[in-house]
PDB file of N, CA and C in Angstrom:
ATOM      1  N   MET A   1      35.778  36.181  68.974  1.00  0.00           N
ATOM      2  CA  MET A   1      34.693  35.400  68.874  1.00  0.00           C
ATOM      3  C   MET A   1      33.142  36.517  68.392  1.00  0.00           C
ATOM      4  N   LYS A   2      34.183  37.946  68.645  1.00  0.00           N
ATOM      5  CA  LYS A   2      33.491  38.986  67.958  1.00  0.00           C
ATOM      6  C   LYS A   2      33.254  39.176  66.741  1.00  0.00           C
ATOM      7  N   PHE A   3      34.420  38.704  66.028  1.00  0.00           N
ATOM      8  CA  PHE A   3      33.944  38.699  64.646  1.00  0.00           C
ATOM      9  C   PHE A   3      33.282  37.463  64.059  1.00  0.00           C
ATOM     10  N   LYS A   4      33.628  36.474  64.800  1.00  0.00           N
ATOM     11  CA  LYS A   4      32.388  35.009  64.192  1.00  0.00           C
ATOM     12  C   LYS A   4      31.166  35.741  64.049  1.00  0.00           C
ATOM     13  N   ARG A   5      30.256  36.266  64.867  1.00  0.00           N
ATOM     14  CA  ARG A   5      29.468  36.752  65.517  1.00  0.00           C
ATOM     15  C   ARG A   5      28.807  37.376  63.850  1.00  0.00           C
ATOM     16  N   SER A   6      29.491  38.137  63.951  1.00  0.00           N
ATOM     17  CA  SER A   6      28.871  39.571  63.292  1.00  0.00           C
ATOM     18  C   SER A   6      29.210  39.037  61.778  1.00  0.00           C
ATOM     19  N   SER A   7      30.296  37.748  61.260  1.00  0.00           N
ATOM     20  CA  SER A   7      30.676  37.078  60.317  1.00  0.00           C
ATOM     21  C   SER A   7      29.114  36.055  60.277  1.00  0.00           C
ATOM     22  N   LEU A   8      28.038  35.504  60.831  1.00  0.00           N
ATOM     23  CA  LEU A   8      27.186  35.097  60.527  1.00  0.00           C
ATOM     24  C   LEU A   8      25.825  36.177  60.503  1.00  0.00           C
ATOM     25  N   MET A   9      26.152  36.717  60.998  1.00  0.00           N
ATOM     26  CA  MET A   9      24.791  37.504  61.343  1.00  0.00           C
ATOM     27  C   MET A   9      24.658  38.008  59.719  1.00  0.00           C
ATOM     28  N   THR A  10      25.977  38.324  58.886  1.00  0.00           N
ATOM     29  CA  THR A  10      26.262  39.123  57.738  1.00  0.00           C
ATOM     30  C   THR A  10      25.586  37.871  56.481  1.00  0.00           C
ATOM     31  N   ARG A  11      26.137  36.363  57.129  1.00  0.00           N
ATOM     32  CA  ARG A  11      25.615  35.669  56.357  1.00  0.00           C
ATOM     33  C   ARG A  11      23.611  35.506  56.171  1.00  0.00           C
ATOM     34  N   VAL A  12      23.045  35.634  57.744  1.00  0.00           N
ATOM     35  CA  VAL A  12      22.310  35.188  57.734  1.00  0.00           C
ATOM     36  C   VAL A  12      21.173  36.597  56.400  1.00  0.00           C
ATOM     37  N   ILE A  13      22.367  38.238  57.129  1.00  0.00           N
ATOM     38  CA  ILE A  13      21.395  39.275  56.438  1.00  0.00           C
ATOM     39  C   ILE A  13      21.322  38.922  54.853  1.00  0.00           C
ATOM     40  N   VAL A  14      22.578  38.593  54.326  1.00  0.00           N
ATOM     41  CA  VAL A  14      22.332  38.249  52.807  1.00  0.00           C
ATOM     42  C   VAL A  14      21.487  36.940  52.446  1.00  0.00           C
ATOM     43  N   LEU A  15      21.188  35.859  53.291  1.00  0.00           N
ATOM     44  CA  LEU A  15      20.684  34.367  52.376  1.00  0.00           C
ATOM     45  C   LEU A  15      19.091  34.723  53.257  1.00  0.00           C
ATOM     46  N   LEU A  16      18.997  35.518  54.002  1.00  0.00           N
ATOM     47  CA  LEU A  16      17.177  36.143  54.643  1.00  0.00           C
ATOM     48  C   LEU A  16      16.746  36.328  52.779  1.00  0.00           C
ATOM     49  N   PRO A  17      17.184  37.263  52.055  1.00  0.00           N
ATOM     50  CA  PRO A  17      16.705  37.764  50.917  1.00  0.00           C
ATOM     51  C   PRO A  17      16.849  36.914  50.164  1.00  0.00           C
ATOM     52  N   ALA A  18      17.626  36.344  49.657  1.00  0.00           N
ATOM     53  CA  ALA A  18      17.652  35.280  48.817  1.00  0.00           C
ATOM     54  C   ALA A  18      16.714  34.082  48.795  1.00  0.00           C
ATOM     55  N   VAL A  19      16.809  34.054  50.087  1.00  0.00           N
ATOM     56  CA  VAL A  19      15.649  32.888  49.984  1.00  0.00           C
ATOM     57  C   VAL A  19      14.407  33.739  49.945  1.00  0.00           C
ATOM     58  N   ALA A  20      14.123  34.762  50.097  1.00  0.00           N
ATOM     59  CA  ALA A  20      12.821  34.749  49.839  1.00  0.00           C
ATOM     60  C   ALA A  20      12.326  35.586  48.974  1.00  0.00           C
ATOM     61  N   ALA A  21      13.362  35.748  47.386  1.00  0.00           N
ATOM     62  CA  ALA A  21      13.425  36.132  46.855  1.00  0.00           C
ATOM     63  C   ALA A  21      13.356  34.174  46.129  1.00  0.00           C
ATOM     64  N   THR A  22      13.571  33.802  46.212  1.00  0.00           N
ATOM     65  CA  THR A  22      13.577  31.901  45.433  1.00  0.00           C
ATOM     66  C   THR A  22      12.232  31.970  45.775  1.00  0.00           C
ATOM     67  N   VAL A  23      11.360  32.078  46.394  1.00  0.00           N
ATOM     68  CA  VAL A  23       9.890  32.029  47.404  1.00  0.00           C
ATOM     69  C   VAL A  23       9.302  32.888  46.214  1.00  0.00           C
ATOM     70  N   THR A  24       9.694  33.529  46.527  1.00  0.00           N
ATOM     71  CA  THR A  24       8.728  34.255  45.576  1.00  0.00           C
ATOM     72  C   THR A  24       8.852  34.581  43.644  1.00  0.00           C
ATOM     73  N   LEU A  25       9.859  33.999  43.643  1.00  0.00           N
ATOM     74  CA  LEU A  25      10.241  33.566  42.143  1.00  0.00           C
ATOM     75  C   LEU A  25       9.377  32.443  41.248  1.00  0.00           C
ATOM     76  N   VAL A  26       9.408  31.513  42.686  1.00  0.00           N
ATOM     77  CA  VAL A  26       8.934  29.828  42.704  1.00  0.00           C
ATOM     78  C   VAL A  26       7.383  30.149  42.703  1.00  0.00           C
ATOM     79  N   SER A  27       6.590  30.549  43.203  1.00  0.00           N
ATOM     80  CA  SER A  27       5.530  30.864  43.412  1.00  0.00           C
ATOM     81  C   SER A  27       4.984  32.143  42.254  1.00  0.00           C
ATOM     82  N   LEU A  28       5.759  32.716  41.836  1.00  0.00           N
ATOM     83  CA  LEU A  28       4.984  33.668  40.498  1.00  0.00           C
ATOM     84  C   LEU A  28       5.437  32.673  39.141  1.00  0.00           C
ATOM     85  N   GLN A  29       6.263  31.706  39.429  1.00  0.00           N
ATOM     86  CA  GLN A  29       5.833  30.724  38.009  1.00  0.00           C
ATOM     87  C   GLN A  29       5.641  30.140  38.390  1.00  0.00           C
ATOM     88  N   ALA A  30       4.610  29.419  39.492  1.00  0.00           N
ATOM     89  CA  ALA A  30       3.328  29.008  39.477  1.00  0.00           C
ATOM     90  C   ALA A  30       1.917  29.562  38.404  1.00  0.00           C
ATOM     91  N   GLN A  31       2.235  30.546  39.397  1.00  0.00           N
ATOM     92  CA  GLN A  31       1.088  31.623  38.827  1.00  0.00           C
ATOM     93  C   GLN A  31       1.128  32.244  37.591  1.00  0.00           C
ATOM     94  N   LEU A  32       2.159  32.041  36.582  1.00  0.00           N
ATOM     95  CA  LEU A  32       2.224  32.308  35.337  1.00  0.00           C
ATOM     96  C   LEU A  32       2.153  31.371  34.786  1.00  0.00           C
ATOM     97  N   ALA A  33       2.514  29.701  35.187  1.00  0.00           N
ATOM     98  CA  ALA A  33       1.427  28.368  34.891  1.00  0.00           C
ATOM     99  C   ALA A  33       0.344  28.488  34.129  1.00  0.00           C
ATOM    100  N   GLU A  34      -0.329  28.772  35.415  1.00  0.00           N
ATOM    101  CA  GLU A  34      -1.764  29.103  35.268  1.00  0.00           C
ATOM    102  C   GLU A  34      -2.147  30.134  34.521  1.00  0.00           C
ATOM    103  N   LYS A  35      -1.796  31.127  34.586  1.00  0.00           N
ATOM    104  CA  LYS A  35      -2.284  32.005  33.744  1.00  0.00           C
ATOM    105  C   LYS A  35      -2.096  31.794  32.109  1.00  0.00           C
ATOM    106  N   ARG A  36      -1.234  31.140  31.574  1.00  0.00           N
ATOM    107  CA  ARG A  36      -1.029  30.698  30.098  1.00  0.00           C
ATOM    108  C   ARG A  36      -1.869  29.473  30.062  1.00  0.00           C
ATOM    109  N   ALA A  37      -2.099  29.007  30.751  1.00  0.00           N
ATOM    110  CA  ALA A  37      -3.360  27.830  30.535  1.00  0.00           C
ATOM    111  C   ALA A  37      -4.949  28.679  30.561  1.00  0.00           C
ATOM    112  N   GLN A  38      -5.159  29.685  31.034  1.00  0.00           N
ATOM    113  CA  GLN A  38      -6.087  30.138  31.682  1.00  0.00           C
ATOM    114  C   GLN A  38      -6.429  30.613  30.039  1.00  0.00           C
ATOM    115  N   ALA A  39      -5.324  31.247  29.671  1.00  0.00           N
ATOM    116  CA  ALA A  39      -5.154  32.734  28.115  1.00  0.00           C
ATOM    117  C   ALA A  39      -4.988  31.469  27.095  1.00  0.00           C
ATOM    118  N   ALA A  40      -4.930  29.966  27.018  1.00  0.00           N
ATOM    119  CA  ALA A  40      -5.508  29.041  26.291  1.00  0.00           C
ATOM    120  C   ALA A  40      -5.872  28.532  26.271  1.00  0.00           C
ATOM    121  N   ALA A  41      -6.956  28.502  27.327  1.00  0.00           N
ATOM    122  CA  ALA A  41      -8.709  28.360  27.814  1.00  0.00           C
ATOM    123  C   ALA A  41      -9.337  29.378  26.714  1.00  0.00           C
ATOM    124  N   LEU A  42      -8.939  30.936  27.283  1.00  0.00           N
ATOM    125  CA  LEU A  42      -9.966  31.462  26.592  1.00  0.00           C
ATOM    126  C   LEU A  42      -9.112  32.023  25.215  1.00  0.00           C
ATOM    127  N   GLU A  43      -8.405  31.720  24.118  1.00  0.00           N
ATOM    128  CA  GLU A  43      -8.333  31.621  23.124  1.00  0.00           C
ATOM    129  C   GLU A  43      -9.400  30.413  22.321  1.00  0.00           C
ATOM    130  N   ALA A  44      -9.263  29.198  22.598  1.00  0.00           N
ATOM    131  CA  ALA A  44      -9.695  28.440  22.678  1.00  0.00           C
ATOM    132  C   ALA A  44     -11.498  28.753  22.702  1.00  0.00           C
ATOM    133  N   GLU A  45     -11.795  29.695  23.233  1.00  0.00           N
ATOM    134  CA  GLU A  45     -13.665  30.064  23.714  1.00  0.00           C
ATOM    135  C   GLU A  45     -13.384  31.133  22.947  1.00  0.00           C
ATOM    136  N   VAL A  46     -12.293  32.412  22.147  1.00  0.00           N
ATOM    137  CA  VAL A  46     -12.905  33.115  21.342  1.00  0.00           C
ATOM    138  C   VAL A  46     -12.509  31.843  19.557  1.00  0.00           C
ATOM    139  N   ALA A  47     -11.949  31.432  19.659  1.00  0.00           N
ATOM    140  CA  ALA A  47     -11.796  30.462  18.414  1.00  0.00           C
ATOM    141  C   ALA A  47     -13.203  29.610  17.793  1.00  0.00           C
ATOM    142  N   ALA A  48     -14.026  29.812  19.324  1.00  0.00           N
ATOM    143  CA  ALA A  48     -14.922  28.667  19.026  1.00  0.00           C
ATOM    144  C   ALA A  48     -16.352  29.444  18.949  1.00  0.00           C
ATOM    145  N   ALA A  49     -16.239  30.563  19.581  1.00  0.00           N
ATOM    146  CA  ALA A  49     -17.840  31.823  19.261  1.00  0.00           C
ATOM    147  C   ALA A  49     -16.892  32.421  17.974  1.00  0.00           C
ATOM    148  N   ALA A  50     -15.735  32.908  17.529  1.00  0.00           N
ATOM    149  CA  ALA A  50     -15.681  33.321  15.942  1.00  0.00           C
ATOM    150  C   ALA A  50     -16.390  32.465  14.750  1.00  0.00           C
ATOM    151  N   GLN A  51     -15.536  30.636  15.579  1.00  0.00           N
ATOM    152  CA  GLN A  51     -16.531  30.181  13.602  1.00  0.00           C
ATOM    153  C   GLN A  51     -18.331  30.313  14.494  1.00  0.00           C
ATOM    154  N   GLU A  52     -18.768  30.380  15.419  1.00  0.00           N
ATOM    155  CA  GLU A  52     -20.289  30.063  15.766  1.00  0.00           C
ATOM    156  C   GLU A  52     -20.692  30.980  15.106  1.00  0.00           C
ATOM    157  N   ASN A  53     -19.977  32.781  15.017  1.00  0.00           N
ATOM    158  CA  ASN A  53     -20.459  33.619  14.608  1.00  0.00           C
ATOM    159  C   ASN A  53     -20.550  33.535  12.971  1.00  0.00           C
ATOM    160  N   GLN A  54     -19.528  33.184  12.252  1.00  0.00           N
ATOM    161  CA  GLN A  54     -19.386  33.028  10.874  1.00  0.00           C
ATOM    162  C   GLN A  54     -20.363  32.045  10.443  1.00  0.00           C
ATOM    163  N   ARG A  55     -21.302  30.906  11.824  1.00  0.00           N
ATOM    164  CA  ARG A  55     -21.939  30.298  11.023  1.00  0.00           C
ATOM    165  C   ARG A  55     -23.218  30.756  10.960  1.00  0.00           C
ATOM    166  N   LEU A  56     -23.358  31.460  11.936  1.00  0.00           N
ATOM    167  CA  LEU A  56     -24.279  32.567  12.351  1.00  0.00           C
ATOM    168  C   LEU A  56     -24.974  33.549  10.863  1.00  0.00           C
ATOM    169  N   GLU A  57     -23.311  33.777  10.514  1.00  0.00           N
ATOM    170  CA  GLU A  57     -23.633  34.971   9.528  1.00  0.00           C
ATOM    171  C   GLU A  57     -23.580  34.606   8.083  1.00  0.00           C
ATOM    172  N   ALA A  58     -23.738  33.583   7.918  1.00  0.00           N
ATOM    173  CA  ALA A  58     -24.234  32.088   6.181  1.00  0.00           C
ATOM    174  C   ALA A  58     -24.884  32.152   6.642  1.00  0.00           C
ATOM    175  N   THR A  59     -26.018  31.999   7.813  1.00  0.00           N
ATOM    176  CA  THR A  59     -27.108  31.669   7.948  1.00  0.00           C
ATOM    177  C   THR A  59     -28.212  32.801   7.573  1.00  0.00           C
ATOM    178  N   ILE A  60     -27.774  33.896   8.666  1.00  0.00           N
ATOM    179  CA  ILE A  60     -28.408  35.476   7.992  1.00  0.00           C
ATOM    180  C   ILE A  60     -28.473  35.859   6.964  1.00  0.00           C
ATOM    181  N   GLU A  61     -27.698  34.933   5.945  1.00  0.00           N
ATOM    182  CA  GLU A  61     -26.918  35.688   4.732  1.00  0.00           C
ATOM    183  C   GLU A  61     -28.197  34.671   3.733  1.00  0.00           C
ATOM    184  N   ALA A  62     -28.040  33.133   3.866  1.00  0.00           N
ATOM    185  CA  ALA A  62     -29.315  32.321   3.684  1.00  0.00           C
ATOM    186  C   ALA A  62     -30.268  32.704   3.656  1.00  0.00           C
ATOM    187  N   ALA A  63     -30.335  33.175   4.505  1.00  0.00           N
ATOM    188  CA  ALA A  63     -32.347  33.579   4.673  1.00  0.00           C
ATOM    189  C   ALA A  63     -32.949  35.003   4.009  1.00  0.00           C
ATOM    190  N   GLY A  64     -32.048  36.161   4.018  1.00  0.00           N
ATOM    191  CA  GLY A  64     -32.056  36.562   2.578  1.00  0.00           C
ATOM    192  C   GLY A  64     -32.459  36.176   1.114  1.00  0.00           C
ATOM    193  N   THR A  65     -32.944  35.075   0.831  1.00  0.00           N
ATOM    194  CA  THR A  65     -32.434  34.539  -0.149  1.00  0.00           C
ATOM    195  C   THR A  65     -33.876  34.350   0.087  1.00  0.00           C
ATOM    196  N   GLU A  66     -34.802  33.860  -1.191  1.00  0.00           N
ATOM    197  CA  GLU A  66     -35.678  33.579  -1.953  1.00  0.00           C
ATOM    198  C   GLU A  66     -35.871  32.368  -1.255  1.00  0.00           C
ATOM    199  N   GLU A  67     -35.068  31.091  -1.649  1.00  0.00           N
ATOM    200  CA  GLU A  67     -35.196  30.007  -0.764  1.00  0.00           C
ATOM    201  C   GLU A  67     -35.286  29.378   0.837  1.00  0.00           C
ATOM    202  N   GLY A  68     -34.175  30.846   0.896  1.00  0.00           N
ATOM    203  CA  GLY A  68     -33.555  31.004   2.234  1.00  0.00           C
ATOM    204  C   GLY A  68     -35.337  31.238   3.534  1.00  0.00           C
ATOM    205  N   VAL A  69     -35.995  32.089   3.099  1.00  0.00           N
ATOM    206  CA  VAL A  69     -37.325  32.476   3.050  1.00  0.00           C
ATOM    207  C   VAL A  69     -38.118  30.761   3.140  1.00  0.00           C
ATOM    208  N   LYS A  70     -37.914  30.494   2.065  1.00  0.00           N
ATOM    209  CA  LYS A  70     -38.925  28.974   1.874  1.00  0.00           C
ATOM    210  C   LYS A  70     -38.438  27.982   2.682  1.00  0.00           C
ATOM    211  N   ASP A  71     -37.271  28.025   3.548  1.00  0.00           N
ATOM    212  CA  ASP A  71     -37.616  26.833   4.076  1.00  0.00           C
ATOM    213  C   ASP A  71     -37.504  27.508   5.792  1.00  0.00           C
ATOM    214  N   ILE A  72     -37.281  29.088   5.604  1.00  0.00           N
ATOM    215  CA  ILE A  72     -37.540  29.048   6.995  1.00  0.00           C
ATOM    216  C   ILE A  72     -39.141  28.642   7.744  1.00  0.00           C
ATOM    217  N   ALA A  73     -39.704  29.233   6.451  1.00  0.00           N
ATOM    218  CA  ALA A  73     -41.062  29.424   6.561  1.00  0.00           C
ATOM    219  C   ALA A  73     -41.995  27.032   6.727  1.00  0.00           C
ATOM    220  N   ARG A  74     -41.015  26.959   6.098  1.00  0.00           N
ATOM    221  CA  ARG A  74     -41.200  25.407   5.935  1.00  0.00           C
ATOM    222  C   ARG A  74     -41.002  25.083   7.453  1.00  0.00           C
ATOM    223  N   GLN A  75     -39.781  24.964   8.278  1.00  0.00           N
ATOM    224  CA  GLN A  75     -39.258  24.624   9.214  1.00  0.00           C
ATOM    225  C   GLN A  75     -39.837  25.321  10.454  1.00  0.00           C
ATOM    226  N   LYS A  76     -39.848  26.845  10.364  1.00  0.00           N
ATOM    227  CA  LYS A  76     -40.966  27.044  11.485  1.00  0.00           C
ATOM    228  C   LYS A  76     -42.054  27.398  11.895  1.00  0.00           C
ATOM    229  N   LEU A  77     -42.435  27.808  10.156  1.00  0.00           N
ATOM    230  CA  LEU A  77     -43.986  28.082  10.862  1.00  0.00           C
ATOM    231  C   LEU A  77     -45.327  26.963   9.936  1.00  0.00           C
ATOM    232  N   GLY A  78     -44.454  26.412   9.382  1.00  0.00           N
ATOM    233  CA  GLY A  78     -45.196  24.437   8.872  1.00  0.00           C
ATOM    234  C   GLY A  78     -45.744  24.741   7.887  1.00  0.00           C
ATOM    235  N   LEU A  79     -45.876  26.098   7.077  1.00  0.00           N
ATOM    236  CA  LEU A  79     -45.807  26.357   5.399  1.00  0.00           C
ATOM    237  C   LEU A  79     -45.607  25.320   4.722  1.00  0.00           C
ATOM    238  N   ALA A  80     -46.411  25.420   3.530  1.00  0.00           N
ATOM    239  CA  ALA A  80     -46.007  24.499   2.035  1.00  0.00           C
ATOM    240  C   ALA A  80     -46.314  24.815   0.566  1.00  0.00           C
ATOM    241  N   GLU A  81     -45.078  24.578   0.325  1.00  0.00           N
ATOM    242  CA  GLU A  81     -45.890  25.615  -1.310  1.00  0.00           C
ATOM    243  C   GLU A  81     -47.643  24.793  -1.933  1.00  0.00           C
ATOM    244  N   SER A  82     -47.895  25.667  -2.864  1.00  0.00           N
ATOM    245  CA  SER A  82     -49.186  24.954  -3.060  1.00  0.00           C
ATOM    246  C   SER A  82     -48.700  23.594  -4.547  1.00  0.00           C
ATOM    247  N   GLY A  83     -50.150  22.422  -3.658  1.00  0.00           N
ATOM    248  CA  GLY A  83     -49.424  21.253  -3.825  1.00  0.00           C
ATOM    249  C   GLY A  83     -48.664  20.304  -3.603  1.00  0.00           C
ATOM    250  N   GLU A  84     -47.718  20.780  -2.424  1.00  0.00           N
ATOM    251  CA  GLU A  84     -47.666  20.185  -1.578  1.00  0.00           C
ATOM    252  C   GLU A  84     -47.787  19.299  -0.672  1.00  0.00           C
ATOM    253  N   ILE A  85     -47.611  18.617   0.164  1.00  0.00           N
ATOM    254  CA  ILE A  85     -48.907  17.812   1.004  1.00  0.00           C
ATOM    255  C   ILE A  85     -47.637  17.104   2.065  1.00  0.00           C
ATOM    256  N   VAL A  86     -47.532  17.937   3.201  1.00  0.00           N
ATOM    257  CA  VAL A  86     -46.945  17.433   4.510  1.00  0.00           C
ATOM    258  C   VAL A  86     -47.991  16.331   5.432  1.00  0.00           C
ATOM    259  N   PHE A  87     -46.820  15.841   5.185  1.00  0.00           N
ATOM    260  CA  PHE A  87     -46.897  14.459   6.625  1.00  0.00           C
ATOM    261  C   PHE A  87     -46.561  14.628   8.094  1.00  0.00           C
ATOM    262  N   TYR A  88     -46.774  14.630   9.249  1.00  0.00           N
ATOM    263  CA  TYR A  88     -46.157  15.081  10.001  1.00  0.00           C
ATOM    264  C   TYR A  88     -46.221  13.770  10.675  1.00  0.00           C
ATOM    265  N   ASP A  89     -44.711  13.367  11.416  1.00  0.00           N
ATOM    266  CA  ASP A  89     -44.533  11.850  12.047  1.00  0.00           C
ATOM    267  C   ASP A  89     -45.153  12.152  14.102  1.00  0.00           C
ATOM    268  N   ILE A  90     -46.265  11.792  14.300  1.00  0.00           N
ATOM    269  CA  ILE A  90     -46.171  11.864  15.651  1.00  0.00           C
ATOM    270  C   ILE A  90     -45.757  10.963  15.883  1.00  0.00           C
ATOM    271  N   GLY A  91     -46.034   9.651  15.757  1.00  0.00           N
ATOM    272  CA  GLY A  91     -45.169   8.485  16.475  1.00  0.00           C
ATOM    273  C   GLY A  91     -44.096   8.183  17.523  1.00  0.00           C
ATOM    274  N   GLY A  92     -43.324   9.570  17.705  1.00  0.00           N
ATOM    275  CA  GLY A  92     -41.953  10.018  18.265  1.00  0.00           C
ATOM    276  C   GLY A  92     -41.224   9.744  17.944  1.00  0.00           C
TER     277      GLY A  92
END
């Protein structure tokens, strides 16, 4: 009888760490999947920010030209070249 009891105890001692390791592994796999999804979302944000940076750099470069300065003066300041007539739509 003592032999069966020690055999059962040995099985329990061996089985508990195996169960704990399995639970930990499943938990870590779920966390890993979540972190991979977060990484993919962040990579998409980085790509969008890089594209926006390129657009802004192109806008800055265009603003340095004479035509760019004229466009900014027309759009932001409402200025016109001599001989131009500006019409404003106030109808909504």
